[in-house]
C-alpha atoms as a PDB file:
ATOM      1  CA  MET A   1      81.102 120.355-149.668  1.00  0.00           C
ATOM      2  CA  ARG A   2      82.926 117.027-150.142  1.00  0.00           C
ATOM      3  CA  ILE A   3      86.178 116.731-151.901  1.00  0.00           C
ATOM      4  CA  LYS A   4      86.482 114.468-154.896  1.00  0.00           C
ATOM      5  CA  LYS A   5      88.578 111.316-154.162  1.00  0.00           C
ATOM      6  CA  SER A   6      91.038 112.133-157.001  1.00  0.00           C
ATOM      7  CA  THR A   7      91.746 115.754-155.541  1.00  0.00           C
ATOM      8  CA  PHE A   8      92.413 114.189-152.259  1.00  0.00           C
ATOM      9  CA  ILE A   9      94.645 111.771-153.586  1.00  0.00           C
ATOM     10  CA  VAL A  10      96.495 114.881-155.404  1.00  0.00           C
ATOM     11  CA  ILE A  11      96.619 117.141-152.421  1.00  0.00           C
ATOM     12  CA  LEU A  12      98.173 114.087-150.317  1.00  0.00           C
ATOM     13  CA  THR A  13     100.490 113.135-152.619  1.00  0.00           C
ATOM     14  CA  VAL A  14     101.682 116.743-152.880  1.00  0.00           C
ATOM     15  CA  LEU A  15     101.917 116.966-149.247  1.00  0.00           C
ATOM     16  CA  LEU A  16     103.843 113.566-148.783  1.00  0.00           C
ATOM     17  CA  SER A  17     106.086 114.672-151.350  1.00  0.00           C
ATOM     18  CA  VAL A  18     106.877 117.833-149.631  1.00  0.00           C
ATOM     19  CA  LEU A  19     107.276 116.219-146.363  1.00  0.00           C
ATOM     20  CA  LEU A  20     109.736 113.412-147.976  1.00  0.00           C
ATOM     21  CA  THR A  21     111.894 116.367-149.613  1.00  0.00           C
ATOM     22  CA  THR A  22     112.116 118.324-146.610  1.00  0.00           C
ATOM     23  CA  THR A  23     113.106 115.243-144.548  1.00  0.00           C
ATOM     24  CA  ILE A  24     115.805 114.071-147.007  1.00  0.00           C
ATOM     25  CA  TYR A  25     117.192 117.852-147.161  1.00  0.00           C
ATOM     26  CA  GLN A  26     117.377 118.108-143.252  1.00  0.00           C
ATOM     27  CA  SER A  27     119.072 114.620-143.144  1.00  0.00           C
ATOM     28  CA  LEU A  28     121.591 115.944-145.567  1.00  0.00           C
ATOM     29  CA  SER A  29     122.094 119.027-143.596  1.00  0.00           C
ATOM     30  CA  ILE A  30     122.502 117.231-140.230  1.00  0.00           C
ATOM     31  CA  TYR A  31     125.212 114.810-142.026  1.00  0.00           C
ATOM     32  CA  GLN A  32     127.056 117.716-143.615  1.00  0.00           C
ATOM     33  CA  ARG A  33     127.399 119.474-140.324  1.00  0.00           C
ATOM     34  CA  SER A  34     128.498 116.375-138.437  1.00  0.00           C
ATOM     35  CA  ARG A  35     131.680 116.134-140.960  1.00  0.00           C
ATOM     36  CA  TYR A  36     132.738 119.593-140.020  1.00  0.00           C
ATOM     37  CA  ASP A  37     136.287 119.579-138.392  1.00  0.00           C
ATOM     38  CA  ILE A  38     137.988 122.980-138.425  1.00  0.00           C
ATOM     39  CA  ASP A  39     141.499 121.193-138.827  1.00  0.00           C
ATOM     40  CA  ASN A  40     140.596 118.513-141.178  1.00  0.00           C
ATOM     41  CA  TYR A  41     137.443 119.127-143.155  1.00  0.00           C
ATOM     42  CA  CYS A  42     136.256 122.678-143.017  1.00  0.00           C
ATOM     43  CA  CYS A  43     134.254 125.045-145.229  1.00  0.00           C
ATOM     44  CA  ARG A  44     136.965 125.011-148.005  1.00  0.00           C
ATOM     45  CA  HIS A  45     136.910 121.341-148.180  1.00  0.00           C
ATOM     46  CA  MET A  46     133.141 121.173-148.276  1.00  0.00           C
ATOM     47  CA  SER A  47     132.671 123.776-150.833  1.00  0.00           C
ATOM     48  CA  ARG A  48     135.134 122.075-153.168  1.00  0.00           C
ATOM     49  CA  ASP A  49     133.367 119.021-152.831  1.00  0.00           C
ATOM     50  CA  ILE A  50     129.674 120.429-153.253  1.00  0.00           C
ATOM     51  CA  GLU A  51     131.310 121.949-156.384  1.00  0.00           C
ATOM     52  CA  LYS A  52     132.472 118.586-157.624  1.00  0.00           C
ATOM     53  CA  VAL A  53     129.021 117.339-157.051  1.00  0.00           C
ATOM     54  CA  PHE A  54     126.925 119.887-158.798  1.00  0.00           C
ATOM     55  CA  GLU A  55     129.723 120.157-161.721  1.00  0.00           C
ATOM     56  CA  GLY A  56     129.455 116.134-161.940  1.00  0.00           C
ATOM     57  CA  PHE A  57     125.627 116.844-162.764  1.00  0.00           C
ATOM     58  CA  GLY A  58     126.388 119.548-165.162  1.00  0.00           C
ATOM     59  CA  ILE A  59     125.145 122.584-162.911  1.00  0.00           C
ATOM     60  CA  SER A  60     127.394 125.642-162.970  1.00  0.00           C
ATOM     61  CA  THR A  61     128.649 126.549-159.476  1.00  0.00           C
ATOM     62  CA  THR A  62     130.817 129.512-158.406  1.00  0.00           C
ATOM     63  CA  ILE A  63     133.059 129.324-155.147  1.00  0.00           C
ATOM     64  CA  VAL A  64     132.610 132.322-152.747  1.00  0.00           C
ATOM     65  CA  CYS A  65     134.637 133.490-149.927  1.00  0.00           C
ATOM     66  CA  GLY A  66     133.693 136.127-147.255  1.00  0.00           C
ATOM     67  CA  TYR A  67     135.783 137.729-145.064  1.00  0.00           C
ATOM     68  CA  ASN A  68     134.808 139.861-141.746  1.00  0.00           C
ATOM     69  CA  PHE A  69     137.332 142.234-140.846  1.00  0.00           C
ATOM     70  CA  THR A  70     135.772 143.335-137.633  1.00  0.00           C
ATOM     71  CA  GLU A  71     135.765 139.886-136.183  1.00  0.00           C
ATOM     72  CA  GLY A  72     138.687 138.451-138.148  1.00  0.00           C
ATOM     73  CA  SER A  73     137.094 135.468-139.804  1.00  0.00           C
ATOM     74  CA  GLY A  74     136.307 134.115-143.058  1.00  0.00           C
ATOM     75  CA  HIS A  75     134.228 131.585-144.675  1.00  0.00           C
ATOM     76  CA  MET A  76     133.582 129.780-148.099  1.00  0.00           C
ATOM     77  CA  TRP A  77     130.494 128.545-149.746  1.00  0.00           C
ATOM     78  CA  VAL A  78     128.860 127.784-153.027  1.00  0.00           C
ATOM     79  CA  ASN A  79     126.687 129.997-155.386  1.00  0.00           C
ATOM     80  CA  VAL A  80     124.294 127.875-157.553  1.00  0.00           C
ATOM     81  CA  PHE A  81     121.877 129.683-159.972  1.00  0.00           C
ATOM     82  CA  GLY A  82     122.512 133.090-158.271  1.00  0.00           C
ATOM     83  CA  ILE A  83     121.608 131.568-154.734  1.00  0.00           C
ATOM     84  CA  ASP A  84     124.476 131.500-151.946  1.00  0.00           C
ATOM     85  CA  ILE A  85     124.332 128.002-150.241  1.00  0.00           C
ATOM     86  CA  ASP A  86     126.383 127.644-147.117  1.00  0.00           C
ATOM     87  CA  SER A  87     128.883 124.687-147.502  1.00  0.00           C
ATOM     88  CA  VAL A  88     128.421 123.571-143.760  1.00  0.00           C
ATOM     89  CA  THR A  89     124.752 123.729-143.169  1.00  0.00           C
ATOM     90  CA  LEU A  90     123.407 123.739-147.043  1.00  0.00           C
ATOM     91  CA  TYR A  91     120.989 126.235-146.106  1.00  0.00           C
ATOM     92  CA  PRO A  92     120.691 129.523-148.443  1.00  0.00           C
ATOM     93  CA  PHE A  93     121.754 132.677-146.707  1.00  0.00           C
ATOM     94  CA  ASP A  94     122.605 136.300-147.380  1.00  0.00           C
ATOM     95  CA  PRO A  95     126.538 136.690-147.121  1.00  0.00           C
ATOM     96  CA  THR A  96     126.124 140.462-147.266  1.00  0.00           C
ATOM     97  CA  LEU A  97     124.853 140.567-143.726  1.00  0.00           C
ATOM     98  CA  GLU A  98     127.794 138.937-142.005  1.00  0.00           C
ATOM     99  CA  TYR A  99     130.647 139.500-144.548  1.00  0.00           C
ATOM    100  CA  GLU A 100     132.539 142.717-145.522  1.00  0.00           C
ATOM    101  CA  SER A 101     134.516 141.323-148.462  1.00  0.00           C
ATOM    102  CA  ILE A 102     132.897 138.851-150.784  1.00  0.00           C
ATOM    103  CA  ASN A 103     134.884 137.235-153.530  1.00  0.00           C
ATOM    104  CA  TYR A 104     133.778 135.194-156.326  1.00  0.00           C
ATOM    105  CA  TYR A 105     135.735 132.083-158.131  1.00  0.00           C
ATOM    106  CA  MET A 106     134.871 130.126-160.962  1.00  0.00           C
ATOM    107  CA  SER A 107     136.289 126.969-159.380  1.00  0.00           C
ATOM    108  CA  TYR A 108     137.861 125.825-156.272  1.00  0.00           C
ATOM    109  CA  GLU A 109     141.242 125.643-158.149  1.00  0.00           C
ATOM    110  CA  ASP A 110     141.040 129.411-159.060  1.00  0.00           C
ATOM    111  CA  TRP A 111     140.563 130.081-155.355  1.00  0.00           C
ATOM    112  CA  GLU A 112     143.744 128.351-154.785  1.00  0.00           C
ATOM    113  CA  ASN A 113     145.439 130.033-157.301  1.00  0.00           C
ATOM    114  CA  GLY A 114     143.897 133.651-156.402  1.00  0.00           C
ATOM    115  CA  LYS A 115     142.040 134.186-159.849  1.00  0.00           C
ATOM    116  CA  ASN A 116     138.708 135.841-158.594  1.00  0.00           C
ATOM    117  CA  VAL A 117     135.990 136.862-161.317  1.00  0.00           C
ATOM    118  CA  ARG A 118     134.274 139.796-159.459  1.00  0.00           C
END
């Protein structure tokens, strides 16, 4: 059984599109991680900037803060379309596996002012 030329072109186009998208996403993730500096540009700043980008495109985002009492550590990330996205790696993740206390804020400014929404 032979594949039609048009079918082959469609399959090849889809595969190349997925490969290109994955490569671009990986490059952005590597770039984002390289910018991390605990003293000058940490997860708080990254979340703020990611929020600005998404909101600039009209996409509603929520700033989320998690705290792990056992380890004494905290982290900030964004929630877009109900998906938690790590601000440092840009990967989706499940914060309930790592953080005991999770607070949601409508914006970075709300976080600065302590106005959590749930």
